[in-house]
């Protein structure tokens, strides 16, 4: 009787151990598979001769609610339509150094989730990361270079704080 109970106990422990290992390994592979990279466009930045004149033209002719930084488009996130999201539109002086080392006249900002994990993955893949992650109330930022040397800005947004900042500035969004 003791041998049978011991055998059942060993089988039960083996089953539980196997189940635990299976759960851990499948959760790790699921996390890796579901690590989101880009979740949307965070902003479009471009060079122009006169940023102030450009902002005014877009305000007058296309109805953008512009401020000193450009315009902010407000939208609702597809995964949770109760959450707002924002996309920045910004003209820069043609002499800006902000896009360097890229020589292009534009830079795209992508919204991402879990910027720290993404940067680690990018480094493993040999992607050039230009700076350290910078953290502000409204999100985290880092800059990378794509395969053709274009500077790309990655933003892990905090949309709640981003909206608060806009309201403090008295800025309206374009809806």
Protein backbone atom coordinates (compact mmCIF):
# COMPACT_ATOMS: atom_id res chain seq x y z
CA UNK A 1 0.00 0.00 0.00
CA UNK A 2 2.84 2.39 0.87
CA UNK A 3 4.54 1.64 -2.45
CA UNK A 4 1.34 2.40 -4.35
CA UNK A 5 0.81 5.68 -2.49
CA UNK A 6 4.45 6.62 -3.04
CA UNK A 7 4.16 5.79 -6.75
CA UNK A 8 0.99 7.90 -7.07
CA UNK A 9 2.69 10.76 -5.22
CA UNK A 10 5.73 10.58 -7.55
CA UNK A 11 3.49 10.56 -10.63
CA UNK A 12 1.48 13.52 -9.30
CA UNK A 13 4.67 15.49 -8.52
CA UNK A 14 6.07 14.67 -11.96
CA UNK A 15 2.84 15.79 -13.60
CA UNK A 16 2.79 19.06 -11.62
CA UNK A 17 6.47 19.70 -12.37
CA UNK A 18 5.93 19.03 -16.08
CA UNK A 19 2.87 21.27 -16.13
CA UNK A 20 4.79 24.07 -14.39
CA UNK A 21 7.70 23.84 -16.84
CA UNK A 22 5.29 23.81 -19.79
CA UNK A 23 3.45 26.87 -18.45
CA UNK A 24 6.66 28.83 -17.84
CA UNK A 25 8.15 28.07 -21.26
CA UNK A 26 4.91 28.77 -23.14
CA UNK A 27 4.42 32.07 -21.25
CA UNK A 28 7.97 33.14 -22.14
CA UNK A 29 7.49 32.33 -25.81
CA UNK A 30 4.09 34.08 -25.80
CA UNK A 31 5.67 37.20 -24.25
CA UNK A 32 8.33 37.21 -26.92
CA UNK A 33 5.78 36.66 -29.69
CA UNK A 34 3.41 39.38 -28.38
CA UNK A 35 6.08 42.02 -27.71
CA UNK A 36 4.62 44.89 -29.71
CA UNK A 37 7.01 46.96 -31.65
CA UNK A 38 5.29 49.85 -33.43
CA UNK A 39 1.70 50.59 -32.44
CA UNK A 40 1.16 53.68 -34.62
CA UNK A 41 2.60 56.91 -35.93
CA UNK A 42 3.57 59.22 -33.09
CA UNK A 43 4.57 62.15 -35.25
CA UNK A 44 5.70 63.50 -38.58
CA UNK A 45 8.54 66.01 -38.48
CA UNK A 46 9.86 67.84 -41.54
CA UNK A 47 12.19 70.68 -42.48
CA UNK A 48 10.97 73.88 -44.13
CA UNK A 49 12.26 77.39 -44.80
CA UNK A 50 9.86 79.13 -42.39
CA UNK A 51 8.22 76.93 -39.74
CA UNK A 52 5.98 79.73 -38.45
CA UNK A 53 4.69 80.51 -41.95
CA UNK A 54 4.16 76.78 -42.59
CA UNK A 55 2.14 76.36 -39.38
CA UNK A 56 -0.01 79.37 -40.29
CA UNK A 57 -0.60 78.10 -43.85
CA UNK A 58 -1.78 74.72 -42.57
CA UNK A 59 -3.98 76.40 -39.97
CA UNK A 60 -5.60 78.72 -42.52
CA UNK A 61 -5.91 76.35 -45.45
CA UNK A 62 -6.34 72.89 -43.90
CA UNK A 63 -7.79 73.73 -40.49
CA UNK A 64 -4.99 72.35 -38.28
CA UNK A 65 -5.06 73.69 -34.73
CA UNK A 66 -1.42 74.76 -34.65
CA UNK A 67 0.77 75.97 -31.81
CA UNK A 68 4.49 76.75 -31.51
CA UNK A 69 5.33 73.03 -31.95
CA UNK A 70 2.99 72.26 -34.82
CA UNK A 71 -0.31 70.44 -34.41
CA UNK A 72 -1.56 67.47 -32.42
CA UNK A 73 -4.06 65.03 -33.88
CA UNK A 74 -6.35 63.43 -31.31
CA UNK A 75 -7.86 60.02 -31.94
CA UNK A 76 -9.14 57.02 -30.01
CA UNK A 77 -7.15 53.81 -29.75
CA UNK A 78 -8.52 50.83 -31.64
CA UNK A 79 -7.73 48.31 -28.91
CA UNK A 80 -9.58 50.40 -26.31
CA UNK A 81 -11.78 53.11 -27.80
CA UNK A 82 -12.12 54.78 -24.39
CA UNK A 83 -8.43 55.74 -24.51
CA UNK A 84 -7.23 58.75 -26.45
CA UNK A 85 -4.09 58.72 -28.54
CA UNK A 86 -2.12 61.56 -30.10
CA UNK A 87 0.02 62.14 -33.17
CA UNK A 88 2.29 65.19 -33.44
CA UNK A 89 2.81 67.15 -36.69
CA UNK A 90 5.82 69.49 -36.55
CA UNK A 91 7.56 71.68 -39.10
CA UNK A 92 11.19 72.45 -38.19
CA UNK A 93 13.52 75.16 -39.50
CA UNK A 94 15.50 73.86 -42.45
CA UNK A 95 18.69 74.47 -40.45
CA UNK A 96 17.67 72.17 -37.58
CA UNK A 97 20.26 69.67 -36.40
CA UNK A 98 17.58 67.56 -34.70
CA UNK A 99 17.36 65.08 -37.59
CA UNK A 100 21.13 64.43 -37.69
CA UNK A 101 22.96 62.22 -38.44
CA UNK A 102 20.30 61.63 -41.11
CA UNK A 103 20.48 63.94 -44.10
CA UNK A 104 16.77 63.58 -44.89
CA UNK A 105 14.32 66.45 -44.71
CA UNK A 106 11.95 64.48 -42.48
CA UNK A 107 11.82 62.22 -39.44
CA UNK A 108 9.05 59.87 -38.36
CA UNK A 109 8.17 59.22 -34.74
CA UNK A 110 6.65 55.81 -34.04
CA UNK A 111 4.53 55.00 -31.01
CA UNK A 112 5.75 51.82 -29.29
CA UNK A 113 5.05 49.74 -26.20
CA UNK A 114 7.76 48.73 -23.72
CA UNK A 115 10.55 50.88 -25.13
CA UNK A 116 13.19 49.42 -22.82
CA UNK A 117 12.58 45.83 -24.00
CA UNK A 118 12.39 46.99 -27.62
CA UNK A 119 15.73 48.82 -27.38
CA UNK A 120 17.34 45.69 -25.93
CA UNK A 121 15.96 43.65 -28.84
CA UNK A 122 17.10 46.26 -31.38
CA UNK A 123 20.64 46.23 -29.95
CA UNK A 124 20.72 42.43 -30.22
CA UNK A 125 19.74 42.82 -33.88
CA UNK A 126 22.61 45.24 -34.52
CA UNK A 127 20.41 48.34 -34.90
CA UNK A 128 22.20 51.64 -34.20
CA UNK A 129 20.70 53.23 -31.09
CA UNK A 130 21.78 56.87 -31.08
CA UNK A 131 21.08 57.86 -27.48
CA UNK A 132 19.86 56.68 -24.11
CA UNK A 133 16.14 56.47 -23.36
CA UNK A 134 14.92 59.85 -22.13
CA UNK A 135 11.92 59.90 -19.80
CA UNK A 136 9.43 62.74 -19.45
CA UNK A 137 5.99 62.87 -17.83
CA UNK A 138 4.39 62.40 -21.28
CA UNK A 139 6.51 59.42 -22.33
CA UNK A 140 9.88 57.87 -23.09
CA UNK A 141 11.96 58.56 -26.20
CA UNK A 142 14.97 57.14 -28.01
CA UNK A 143 16.43 57.62 -31.49
CA UNK A 144 17.66 54.90 -33.85
CA UNK A 145 18.89 54.67 -37.43
CA UNK A 146 17.11 52.53 -39.99
CA UNK A 147 18.95 50.45 -42.59
CA UNK A 148 19.42 53.51 -44.87
CA UNK A 149 20.63 55.83 -42.12
CA UNK A 150 17.34 57.66 -41.55
CA UNK A 151 16.91 58.87 -37.98
CA UNK A 152 13.75 57.43 -36.39
CA UNK A 153 12.28 58.55 -33.08
CA UNK A 154 10.58 55.91 -30.90
CA UNK A 155 8.06 57.09 -28.32
CA UNK A 156 6.44 55.08 -25.54
CA UNK A 157 3.64 57.55 -24.88
CA UNK A 158 1.85 58.44 -21.69
CA UNK A 159 -1.22 59.87 -23.44
CA UNK A 160 -2.89 61.00 -20.21
CA UNK A 161 0.07 63.22 -19.30
CA UNK A 162 0.52 64.32 -22.94
CA UNK A 163 -3.06 65.57 -22.98
CA UNK A 164 -2.57 67.36 -19.63
CA UNK A 165 0.52 69.10 -21.01
CA UNK A 166 -1.41 70.27 -24.08
CA UNK A 167 -4.21 71.63 -21.91
CA UNK A 168 -1.68 73.45 -19.67
CA UNK A 169 -0.25 75.08 -22.81
CA UNK A 170 -3.75 76.05 -23.94
CA UNK A 171 -3.33 74.01 -27.11
CA UNK A 172 -6.23 72.55 -29.01
CA UNK A 173 -5.99 69.25 -30.82
CA UNK A 174 -7.09 68.61 -34.37
CA UNK A 175 -9.84 65.97 -34.31
